[in-house]
N, C-alpha and C. Protein backbone atom coordinates (compact mmCIF):
# COMPACT_ATOMS: atom_id res chain seq x y z
N MET A 1 -0.81 14.41 -8.68
CA MET A 1 -1.99 13.82 -8.09
C MET A 1 -1.58 12.61 -7.26
N THR A 2 -2.15 12.49 -6.11
CA THR A 2 -1.87 11.38 -5.21
C THR A 2 -2.57 10.11 -5.68
N SER A 3 -1.87 8.98 -5.55
CA SER A 3 -2.42 7.69 -5.98
C SER A 3 -2.18 6.63 -4.92
N LEU A 4 -3.00 5.60 -4.96
CA LEU A 4 -2.83 4.44 -4.10
C LEU A 4 -2.33 3.30 -4.97
N TRP A 5 -1.18 2.74 -4.60
CA TRP A 5 -0.57 1.64 -5.35
C TRP A 5 -0.82 0.36 -4.57
N ILE A 6 -1.46 -0.62 -5.19
CA ILE A 6 -1.79 -1.89 -4.56
C ILE A 6 -1.02 -2.99 -5.29
N ARG A 7 -0.32 -3.83 -4.51
CA ARG A 7 0.45 -4.93 -5.08
C ARG A 7 0.04 -6.24 -4.42
N LEU A 8 -0.19 -7.27 -5.23
CA LEU A 8 -0.46 -8.61 -4.72
C LEU A 8 0.82 -9.42 -4.87
N ILE A 9 1.38 -9.87 -3.76
CA ILE A 9 2.67 -10.55 -3.73
C ILE A 9 2.45 -12.05 -3.51
N HIS A 10 3.09 -12.86 -4.36
CA HIS A 10 3.04 -14.32 -4.21
C HIS A 10 4.45 -14.84 -4.45
N LYS A 11 5.00 -15.53 -3.45
CA LYS A 11 6.37 -16.06 -3.51
C LYS A 11 7.37 -14.96 -3.85
N HIS A 12 7.25 -13.83 -3.17
CA HIS A 12 8.16 -12.68 -3.27
C HIS A 12 8.16 -12.01 -4.65
N ARG A 13 7.11 -12.20 -5.42
CA ARG A 13 6.99 -11.56 -6.71
C ARG A 13 5.64 -10.85 -6.81
N ILE A 14 5.61 -9.74 -7.50
CA ILE A 14 4.36 -9.03 -7.74
C ILE A 14 3.58 -9.79 -8.80
N GLU A 15 2.42 -10.33 -8.41
CA GLU A 15 1.57 -11.07 -9.34
C GLU A 15 0.63 -10.12 -10.09
N LYS A 16 0.02 -9.20 -9.35
CA LYS A 16 -0.89 -8.21 -9.92
C LYS A 16 -0.64 -6.89 -9.21
N GLN A 17 -0.94 -5.80 -9.90
CA GLN A 17 -0.84 -4.50 -9.27
C GLN A 17 -1.83 -3.54 -9.92
N SER A 18 -2.14 -2.51 -9.19
CA SER A 18 -3.07 -1.50 -9.68
C SER A 18 -2.76 -0.18 -9.01
N THR A 19 -3.01 0.89 -9.71
CA THR A 19 -2.85 2.23 -9.16
C THR A 19 -4.15 2.98 -9.39
N VAL A 20 -4.68 3.56 -8.32
CA VAL A 20 -5.93 4.31 -8.42
C VAL A 20 -5.73 5.69 -7.80
N PRO A 21 -6.34 6.72 -8.38
CA PRO A 21 -6.25 8.05 -7.79
C PRO A 21 -6.87 8.06 -6.39
N CYS A 22 -6.26 8.83 -5.49
CA CYS A 22 -6.72 8.78 -4.11
C CYS A 22 -6.23 10.00 -3.34
N ALA A 23 -7.05 10.49 -2.44
CA ALA A 23 -6.62 11.48 -1.46
C ALA A 23 -6.34 10.73 -0.16
N HIS A 24 -5.52 11.29 0.71
CA HIS A 24 -5.13 10.59 1.94
C HIS A 24 -6.35 10.23 2.78
N SER A 25 -7.40 11.03 2.72
CA SER A 25 -8.60 10.77 3.52
C SER A 25 -9.54 9.77 2.86
N GLU A 26 -9.31 9.42 1.59
CA GLU A 26 -10.19 8.52 0.86
C GLU A 26 -9.57 7.16 0.59
N VAL A 27 -8.68 6.71 1.46
CA VAL A 27 -7.94 5.48 1.23
C VAL A 27 -8.86 4.26 1.16
N LEU A 28 -9.82 4.16 2.05
CA LEU A 28 -10.70 2.99 2.06
C LEU A 28 -11.54 2.91 0.79
N ASP A 29 -12.00 4.03 0.29
CA ASP A 29 -12.77 4.04 -0.96
C ASP A 29 -11.89 3.61 -2.14
N ALA A 30 -10.67 4.13 -2.19
CA ALA A 30 -9.75 3.77 -3.26
C ALA A 30 -9.35 2.30 -3.17
N LEU A 31 -9.15 1.82 -1.95
CA LEU A 31 -8.80 0.41 -1.75
C LEU A 31 -9.94 -0.49 -2.21
N THR A 32 -11.16 -0.12 -1.91
CA THR A 32 -12.32 -0.89 -2.34
C THR A 32 -12.39 -0.95 -3.87
N ASP A 33 -12.18 0.20 -4.53
CA ASP A 33 -12.20 0.23 -6.00
C ASP A 33 -11.10 -0.63 -6.60
N ALA A 34 -9.91 -0.55 -6.02
CA ALA A 34 -8.78 -1.33 -6.53
C ALA A 34 -9.01 -2.83 -6.33
N CYS A 35 -9.57 -3.21 -5.20
CA CYS A 35 -9.84 -4.62 -4.94
C CYS A 35 -10.87 -5.16 -5.92
N ARG A 36 -11.86 -4.34 -6.25
CA ARG A 36 -12.84 -4.76 -7.26
C ARG A 36 -12.15 -4.97 -8.61
N ALA A 37 -11.27 -4.03 -8.98
CA ALA A 37 -10.57 -4.14 -10.26
C ALA A 37 -9.66 -5.36 -10.32
N LEU A 38 -9.03 -5.71 -9.19
CA LEU A 38 -8.14 -6.86 -9.13
C LEU A 38 -8.88 -8.16 -8.82
N ASP A 39 -10.17 -8.07 -8.54
CA ASP A 39 -11.02 -9.22 -8.21
C ASP A 39 -10.51 -9.98 -6.98
N VAL A 40 -10.25 -9.22 -5.93
CA VAL A 40 -9.82 -9.79 -4.64
C VAL A 40 -10.68 -9.18 -3.53
N PRO A 41 -10.81 -9.86 -2.40
CA PRO A 41 -11.59 -9.30 -1.29
C PRO A 41 -10.84 -8.13 -0.65
N ARG A 42 -11.60 -7.20 -0.05
CA ARG A 42 -10.98 -6.07 0.63
C ARG A 42 -10.53 -6.51 2.02
N PRO A 43 -9.31 -6.15 2.40
CA PRO A 43 -8.79 -6.57 3.71
C PRO A 43 -9.34 -5.71 4.84
N PHE A 44 -9.22 -6.24 6.06
CA PHE A 44 -9.56 -5.48 7.26
C PHE A 44 -8.31 -4.79 7.77
N PHE A 45 -8.46 -3.55 8.23
CA PHE A 45 -7.35 -2.84 8.86
C PHE A 45 -7.29 -3.25 10.32
N LEU A 46 -6.20 -3.86 10.72
CA LEU A 46 -5.96 -4.20 12.12
C LEU A 46 -5.14 -3.07 12.75
N PRO A 47 -5.00 -3.03 14.07
CA PRO A 47 -4.24 -1.93 14.70
C PRO A 47 -2.83 -1.76 14.14
N LYS A 48 -2.16 -2.85 13.80
CA LYS A 48 -0.81 -2.75 13.21
C LYS A 48 -0.87 -2.01 11.88
N ASN A 49 -1.88 -2.30 11.08
CA ASN A 49 -2.03 -1.63 9.78
C ASN A 49 -2.30 -0.14 9.96
N ASP A 50 -3.12 0.21 10.95
CA ASP A 50 -3.39 1.62 11.23
C ASP A 50 -2.12 2.36 11.61
N ARG A 51 -1.31 1.74 12.49
CA ARG A 51 -0.04 2.38 12.90
C ARG A 51 0.90 2.55 11.71
N ASP A 52 1.06 1.50 10.91
CA ASP A 52 1.93 1.59 9.74
C ASP A 52 1.46 2.66 8.76
N TRP A 53 0.15 2.71 8.55
CA TRP A 53 -0.41 3.68 7.61
C TRP A 53 -0.17 5.11 8.09
N GLU A 54 -0.41 5.37 9.37
CA GLU A 54 -0.23 6.71 9.92
C GLU A 54 1.24 7.14 9.88
N GLU A 55 2.15 6.21 10.14
CA GLU A 55 3.56 6.57 10.21
C GLU A 55 4.26 6.59 8.84
N PHE A 56 3.95 5.61 7.98
CA PHE A 56 4.69 5.45 6.74
C PHE A 56 3.87 5.65 5.46
N SER A 57 2.56 5.80 5.56
CA SER A 57 1.66 5.85 4.40
C SER A 57 1.77 4.60 3.54
N GLN A 58 2.04 3.48 4.20
CA GLN A 58 2.04 2.18 3.52
C GLN A 58 1.83 1.10 4.57
N THR A 59 1.30 -0.03 4.13
CA THR A 59 1.10 -1.17 5.02
C THR A 59 0.93 -2.43 4.18
N SER A 60 0.98 -3.57 4.83
CA SER A 60 0.77 -4.83 4.12
C SER A 60 -0.25 -5.67 4.88
N PHE A 61 -0.97 -6.48 4.12
CA PHE A 61 -2.02 -7.33 4.66
C PHE A 61 -1.70 -8.78 4.37
N GLY A 62 -1.75 -9.61 5.39
CA GLY A 62 -1.55 -11.05 5.22
C GLY A 62 -2.87 -11.78 5.24
N PRO A 63 -2.84 -13.10 5.26
CA PRO A 63 -4.08 -13.89 5.27
C PRO A 63 -4.98 -13.59 6.47
N ASP A 64 -4.42 -13.12 7.60
CA ASP A 64 -5.23 -12.80 8.78
C ASP A 64 -6.14 -11.59 8.57
N ASN A 65 -5.85 -10.78 7.55
CA ASN A 65 -6.64 -9.59 7.29
C ASN A 65 -7.84 -9.86 6.38
N PHE A 66 -8.01 -11.09 5.93
CA PHE A 66 -9.09 -11.42 5.00
C PHE A 66 -9.99 -12.49 5.60
N ILE A 67 -11.27 -12.42 5.29
CA ILE A 67 -12.22 -13.45 5.71
C ILE A 67 -12.14 -14.63 4.74
N GLU A 68 -12.07 -14.33 3.46
CA GLU A 68 -12.04 -15.36 2.43
C GLU A 68 -10.61 -15.85 2.20
N HIS A 69 -10.50 -16.99 1.55
CA HIS A 69 -9.18 -17.50 1.15
C HIS A 69 -8.64 -16.61 0.04
N ILE A 70 -7.34 -16.31 0.11
CA ILE A 70 -6.71 -15.47 -0.91
C ILE A 70 -5.68 -16.30 -1.66
N GLY A 71 -5.47 -16.00 -2.92
CA GLY A 71 -4.54 -16.74 -3.75
C GLY A 71 -3.17 -16.09 -3.83
N PHE A 72 -2.80 -15.31 -2.84
CA PHE A 72 -1.50 -14.65 -2.80
C PHE A 72 -1.01 -14.64 -1.36
N ASP A 73 0.26 -14.31 -1.16
CA ASP A 73 0.85 -14.32 0.18
C ASP A 73 0.53 -13.06 0.98
N LYS A 74 0.58 -11.91 0.31
CA LYS A 74 0.24 -10.65 0.99
C LYS A 74 -0.13 -9.58 -0.01
N MET A 75 -0.83 -8.58 0.49
CA MET A 75 -1.19 -7.41 -0.30
C MET A 75 -0.49 -6.21 0.34
N GLU A 76 0.19 -5.44 -0.48
CA GLU A 76 0.84 -4.22 0.01
C GLU A 76 0.16 -3.02 -0.63
N ILE A 77 -0.08 -1.99 0.19
CA ILE A 77 -0.62 -0.75 -0.35
C ILE A 77 0.31 0.39 0.07
N GLU A 78 0.40 1.37 -0.81
CA GLU A 78 1.29 2.51 -0.55
C GLU A 78 0.69 3.75 -1.19
N LEU A 79 0.76 4.86 -0.46
CA LEU A 79 0.28 6.14 -0.98
C LEU A 79 1.43 6.80 -1.73
N ILE A 80 1.24 7.09 -3.00
CA ILE A 80 2.25 7.71 -3.84
C ILE A 80 1.88 9.18 -3.99
N ASP A 81 2.73 10.06 -3.46
CA ASP A 81 2.50 11.50 -3.54
C ASP A 81 3.68 12.14 -4.26
N PRO A 82 3.54 12.48 -5.53
CA PRO A 82 4.67 13.05 -6.28
C PRO A 82 5.10 14.43 -5.77
N ASP A 83 4.22 15.12 -5.07
CA ASP A 83 4.55 16.46 -4.56
C ASP A 83 5.31 16.42 -3.24
N LYS A 84 5.29 15.26 -2.57
CA LYS A 84 5.96 15.16 -1.28
C LYS A 84 7.46 15.11 -1.47
N LYS A 85 8.16 15.96 -0.76
CA LYS A 85 9.60 16.01 -0.88
C LYS A 85 10.22 14.95 0.01
N LYS A 86 11.31 14.39 -0.45
CA LYS A 86 12.02 13.42 0.36
C LYS A 86 12.72 14.13 1.50
N SER A 87 12.98 13.39 2.55
CA SER A 87 13.61 13.95 3.73
C SER A 87 14.99 14.51 3.39
N ALA A 88 15.21 15.77 3.76
CA ALA A 88 16.49 16.42 3.46
C ALA A 88 17.57 16.07 4.47
N ASP A 89 17.20 15.47 5.59
CA ASP A 89 18.18 15.18 6.61
C ASP A 89 18.85 13.82 6.42
N ARG A 90 18.54 13.12 5.35
CA ARG A 90 19.22 11.86 5.07
C ARG A 90 20.65 12.15 4.62
N ARG A 91 21.56 11.33 5.07
CA ARG A 91 22.95 11.48 4.67
C ARG A 91 23.17 10.88 3.29
N ASN A 92 23.93 11.58 2.48
CA ASN A 92 24.31 11.09 1.18
C ASN A 92 25.81 10.92 1.17
N PRO A 93 26.32 9.69 1.12
CA PRO A 93 27.76 9.49 1.17
C PRO A 93 28.51 10.16 0.03
N LEU A 94 27.87 10.36 -1.10
CA LEU A 94 28.54 11.00 -2.22
C LEU A 94 28.81 12.49 -1.93
N ILE A 95 27.89 13.11 -1.22
CA ILE A 95 28.06 14.52 -0.88
C ILE A 95 29.06 14.67 0.26
N ASP A 96 29.04 13.73 1.20
CA ASP A 96 29.94 13.80 2.36
C ASP A 96 31.40 13.54 1.99
N ALA A 97 31.66 12.88 0.86
CA ALA A 97 33.04 12.50 0.48
C ALA A 97 33.84 13.69 0.02
């Protein structure tokens, strides 16, 4: 099952995190639920976030993405898909040796 992993980062450490079930098309709903559970405001998706999400299925939000003051440095979200296979074209030095 696909999940959305949300991390609140402060001084390069994960302060809080949450994982909620999610389909790729339901990211905003899952993000809203996770933000409620973590008691933080929901961020705005800026064009950079849209590009990162489409290309990598992950993005991060800084203070510019929030209207309210936040008590952390950034929020990172990532789509976790256990069925997705890793890229087979990556080089593995152990196999090449």
